[in-house]
Amino acid sequence: MYLHIGKDTIINSKNIIAIFNVEVITKKDSIENICKNLKIGDNIIDVSDGKQKSLVIVKKADEMKAYVSNVSTITLAKRTSKMEVE
């Protein structure tokens, strides 16, 4: 199944490793440094339109990417659990 994370961006839910709340994780460090520590590097795609709410970590074919989304972690969690039911 695919998950809509904002703008015109959808990702395969099977590739999701983690979804973080941006407000919580940026209290200690910036998104760029967090991604650097996770060895994501420059593969940060911002689809948030300046309203950063969640950070979605995805791994596909041995490549890690991070998406910054304006959709809250709660909404993304509901969407993924809804997919499991269907």
N, C-alpha and C. Protein backbone atom coordinates (compact mmCIF):
# COMPACT_ATOMS: atom_id res chain seq x y z
N MET A 1 0.83 -1.18 0.00
CA MET A 1 0.00 0.00 0.00
C MET A 1 0.88 1.25 0.00
N TYR A 2 0.28 2.33 -0.40
CA TYR A 2 1.00 3.60 -0.47
C TYR A 2 0.42 4.59 0.54
N LEU A 3 1.28 5.45 1.01
CA LEU A 3 0.91 6.43 2.03
C LEU A 3 1.15 7.83 1.47
N HIS A 4 0.11 8.67 1.51
CA HIS A 4 0.22 10.07 1.09
C HIS A 4 0.79 10.86 2.26
N ILE A 5 1.93 11.54 2.02
CA ILE A 5 2.58 12.27 3.12
C ILE A 5 2.58 13.78 2.92
N GLY A 6 1.90 14.27 1.90
CA GLY A 6 1.82 15.71 1.66
C GLY A 6 2.15 16.06 0.23
N LYS A 7 1.68 17.25 -0.17
CA LYS A 7 1.82 17.69 -1.56
C LYS A 7 1.34 16.57 -2.47
N ASP A 8 2.12 16.26 -3.48
CA ASP A 8 1.78 15.18 -4.40
C ASP A 8 2.68 13.97 -4.15
N THR A 9 3.07 13.75 -2.91
CA THR A 9 4.05 12.73 -2.59
C THR A 9 3.39 11.53 -1.91
N ILE A 10 3.63 10.37 -2.49
CA ILE A 10 3.19 9.13 -1.87
C ILE A 10 4.40 8.20 -1.79
N ILE A 11 4.43 7.39 -0.74
CA ILE A 11 5.53 6.45 -0.58
C ILE A 11 4.96 5.08 -0.28
N ASN A 12 5.72 4.06 -0.61
CA ASN A 12 5.31 2.70 -0.32
C ASN A 12 5.44 2.46 1.18
N SER A 13 4.36 2.07 1.81
CA SER A 13 4.37 1.90 3.27
C SER A 13 5.30 0.78 3.71
N LYS A 14 5.62 -0.15 2.83
CA LYS A 14 6.54 -1.24 3.17
C LYS A 14 7.97 -0.73 3.37
N ASN A 15 8.28 0.44 2.81
CA ASN A 15 9.63 0.98 2.89
C ASN A 15 9.84 1.90 4.09
N ILE A 16 8.79 2.16 4.85
CA ILE A 16 8.90 3.08 6.00
C ILE A 16 9.62 2.39 7.14
N ILE A 17 10.65 3.07 7.64
CA ILE A 17 11.39 2.57 8.81
C ILE A 17 10.87 3.23 10.07
N ALA A 18 10.65 4.54 10.02
CA ALA A 18 10.20 5.27 11.21
C ALA A 18 9.50 6.57 10.82
N ILE A 19 8.64 7.02 11.72
CA ILE A 19 7.98 8.32 11.58
C ILE A 19 8.19 9.06 12.90
N PHE A 20 8.81 10.24 12.81
CA PHE A 20 9.11 11.04 14.00
C PHE A 20 8.33 12.35 14.00
N ASN A 21 8.01 12.82 15.19
CA ASN A 21 7.41 14.13 15.38
C ASN A 21 8.53 15.16 15.34
N VAL A 22 8.48 16.08 14.40
CA VAL A 22 9.54 17.07 14.21
C VAL A 22 9.71 17.95 15.44
N GLU A 23 8.61 18.34 16.06
CA GLU A 23 8.68 19.22 17.23
C GLU A 23 9.47 18.56 18.36
N VAL A 24 9.29 17.28 18.54
CA VAL A 24 9.98 16.56 19.61
C VAL A 24 11.46 16.38 19.30
N ILE A 25 11.77 15.95 18.08
CA ILE A 25 13.18 15.66 17.77
C ILE A 25 14.02 16.90 17.58
N THR A 26 13.42 18.01 17.19
CA THR A 26 14.22 19.23 16.97
C THR A 26 14.49 20.00 18.27
N LYS A 27 13.95 19.55 19.38
CA LYS A 27 14.27 20.19 20.66
C LYS A 27 15.74 19.98 21.00
N LYS A 28 16.31 18.87 20.54
CA LYS A 28 17.70 18.57 20.86
C LYS A 28 18.66 18.86 19.71
N ASP A 29 18.18 18.75 18.47
CA ASP A 29 19.08 18.89 17.33
C ASP A 29 18.27 19.26 16.08
N SER A 30 18.97 19.67 15.03
CA SER A 30 18.29 20.02 13.79
C SER A 30 17.99 18.76 12.98
N ILE A 31 17.05 18.87 12.07
CA ILE A 31 16.69 17.73 11.22
C ILE A 31 17.90 17.27 10.41
N GLU A 32 18.67 18.22 9.91
CA GLU A 32 19.84 17.88 9.10
C GLU A 32 20.85 17.05 9.90
N ASN A 33 21.11 17.45 11.15
CA ASN A 33 22.05 16.70 11.99
C ASN A 33 21.50 15.32 12.36
N ILE A 34 20.21 15.24 12.60
CA ILE A 34 19.60 13.95 12.92
C ILE A 34 19.74 13.01 11.73
N CYS A 35 19.46 13.52 10.54
CA CYS A 35 19.58 12.70 9.33
C CYS A 35 21.03 12.31 9.07
N LYS A 36 21.94 13.22 9.36
CA LYS A 36 23.37 12.92 9.20
C LYS A 36 23.76 11.79 10.15
N ASN A 37 23.29 11.83 11.39
CA ASN A 37 23.58 10.78 12.35
C ASN A 37 22.97 9.43 11.95
N LEU A 38 21.85 9.48 11.23
CA LEU A 38 21.21 8.27 10.74
C LEU A 38 21.82 7.81 9.42
N LYS A 39 22.86 8.51 8.98
CA LYS A 39 23.57 8.21 7.74
C LYS A 39 22.67 8.36 6.51
N ILE A 40 21.77 9.32 6.56
CA ILE A 40 20.91 9.62 5.43
C ILE A 40 21.58 10.63 4.52
N GLY A 41 22.40 11.47 5.09
CA GLY A 41 23.13 12.45 4.30
C GLY A 41 22.26 13.53 3.71
N ASP A 42 22.39 13.71 2.41
CA ASP A 42 21.67 14.79 1.72
C ASP A 42 20.35 14.33 1.12
N ASN A 43 19.90 13.15 1.44
CA ASN A 43 18.65 12.63 0.88
C ASN A 43 17.45 13.07 1.72
N ILE A 44 17.32 14.37 1.93
CA ILE A 44 16.20 14.92 2.68
C ILE A 44 15.29 15.64 1.70
N ILE A 45 14.05 15.20 1.65
CA ILE A 45 13.09 15.78 0.72
C ILE A 45 12.03 16.49 1.55
N ASP A 46 11.91 17.79 1.37
CA ASP A 46 10.96 18.59 2.15
C ASP A 46 9.69 18.82 1.34
N VAL A 47 8.59 18.22 1.79
CA VAL A 47 7.28 18.40 1.14
C VAL A 47 6.32 19.09 2.10
N SER A 48 6.87 19.84 3.05
CA SER A 48 6.07 20.40 4.14
C SER A 48 5.50 21.79 3.88
N ASP A 49 5.92 22.45 2.82
CA ASP A 49 5.51 23.84 2.56
C ASP A 49 5.77 24.75 3.76
N GLY A 50 6.87 24.50 4.47
CA GLY A 50 7.25 25.33 5.60
C GLY A 50 6.55 25.02 6.91
N LYS A 51 5.71 24.00 6.92
CA LYS A 51 4.97 23.61 8.14
C LYS A 51 5.40 22.21 8.55
N GLN A 52 6.64 22.09 9.01
CA GLN A 52 7.22 20.79 9.35
C GLN A 52 6.55 20.17 10.56
N LYS A 53 5.98 19.00 10.36
CA LYS A 53 5.32 18.29 11.46
C LYS A 53 5.87 16.89 11.68
N SER A 54 6.29 16.23 10.62
CA SER A 54 6.80 14.87 10.78
C SER A 54 7.99 14.61 9.88
N LEU A 55 8.80 13.65 10.31
CA LEU A 55 9.97 13.21 9.56
C LEU A 55 9.78 11.72 9.30
N VAL A 56 9.69 11.35 8.03
CA VAL A 56 9.45 9.96 7.64
C VAL A 56 10.74 9.40 7.07
N ILE A 57 11.26 8.35 7.69
CA ILE A 57 12.49 7.72 7.23
C ILE A 57 12.10 6.50 6.39
N VAL A 58 12.68 6.42 5.18
CA VAL A 58 12.34 5.37 4.23
C VAL A 58 13.62 4.71 3.74
N LYS A 59 13.57 3.39 3.56
CA LYS A 59 14.72 2.67 2.99
C LYS A 59 14.22 1.86 1.79
N LYS A 60 14.86 2.11 0.66
CA LYS A 60 14.51 1.38 -0.56
C LYS A 60 15.79 1.05 -1.31
N ALA A 61 15.97 -0.20 -1.58
CA ALA A 61 17.15 -0.67 -2.33
C ALA A 61 18.46 -0.16 -1.72
N ASP A 62 18.62 -0.38 -0.44
CA ASP A 62 19.84 0.02 0.29
C ASP A 62 20.11 1.51 0.28
N GLU A 63 19.10 2.32 0.01
CA GLU A 63 19.24 3.77 0.06
C GLU A 63 18.25 4.33 1.07
N MET A 64 18.74 5.16 1.97
CA MET A 64 17.90 5.79 2.98
C MET A 64 17.53 7.20 2.53
N LYS A 65 16.26 7.57 2.75
CA LYS A 65 15.78 8.91 2.46
C LYS A 65 14.95 9.37 3.64
N ALA A 66 14.86 10.68 3.78
CA ALA A 66 14.01 11.28 4.80
C ALA A 66 13.07 12.27 4.13
N TYR A 67 11.81 12.20 4.48
CA TYR A 67 10.82 13.13 3.98
C TYR A 67 10.33 13.98 5.14
N VAL A 68 10.35 15.29 4.97
CA VAL A 68 9.79 16.20 5.97
C VAL A 68 8.39 16.55 5.46
N SER A 69 7.39 16.28 6.29
CA SER A 69 6.00 16.42 5.87
C SER A 69 5.25 17.40 6.75
N ASN A 70 4.18 17.96 6.18
CA ASN A 70 3.31 18.83 6.97
C ASN A 70 2.12 18.06 7.55
N VAL A 71 2.12 16.75 7.36
CA VAL A 71 1.09 15.89 7.93
C VAL A 71 1.59 15.41 9.29
N SER A 72 0.74 15.48 10.30
CA SER A 72 1.16 15.10 11.65
C SER A 72 1.43 13.60 11.76
N THR A 73 2.23 13.24 12.74
CA THR A 73 2.54 11.83 12.97
C THR A 73 1.29 11.04 13.33
N ILE A 74 0.38 11.66 14.03
CA ILE A 74 -0.87 10.99 14.41
C ILE A 74 -1.68 10.65 13.16
N THR A 75 -1.80 11.59 12.24
CA THR A 75 -2.54 11.35 11.01
C THR A 75 -1.86 10.28 10.17
N LEU A 76 -0.54 10.32 10.06
CA LEU A 76 0.17 9.30 9.30
C LEU A 76 -0.02 7.92 9.94
N ALA A 77 0.02 7.86 11.26
CA ALA A 77 -0.20 6.59 11.95
C ALA A 77 -1.61 6.06 11.68
N LYS A 78 -2.60 6.94 11.70
CA LYS A 78 -3.97 6.52 11.40
C LYS A 78 -4.08 6.00 9.98
N ARG A 79 -3.43 6.67 9.05
CA ARG A 79 -3.47 6.24 7.65
C ARG A 79 -2.83 4.86 7.47
N THR A 80 -1.72 4.63 8.15
CA THR A 80 -1.06 3.33 8.01
C THR A 80 -1.86 2.22 8.69
N SER A 81 -2.46 2.50 9.83
CA SER A 81 -3.26 1.47 10.50
C SER A 81 -4.55 1.20 9.71
N LYS A 82 -5.06 2.20 9.04
CA LYS A 82 -6.25 2.03 8.20
C LYS A 82 -5.92 1.10 7.02
N MET A 83 -4.70 1.22 6.50
CA MET A 83 -4.30 0.36 5.40
C MET A 83 -4.19 -1.09 5.84
N GLU A 84 -3.75 -1.32 7.09
CA GLU A 84 -3.61 -2.68 7.59
C GLU A 84 -4.96 -3.38 7.69
N VAL A 85 -6.01 -2.63 8.00
CA VAL A 85 -7.35 -3.18 8.15
C VAL A 85 -7.91 -3.59 6.80
N GLU A 86 -7.65 -2.78 5.78
CA GLU A 86 -8.19 -3.06 4.45
C GLU A 86 -7.52 -4.22 3.89
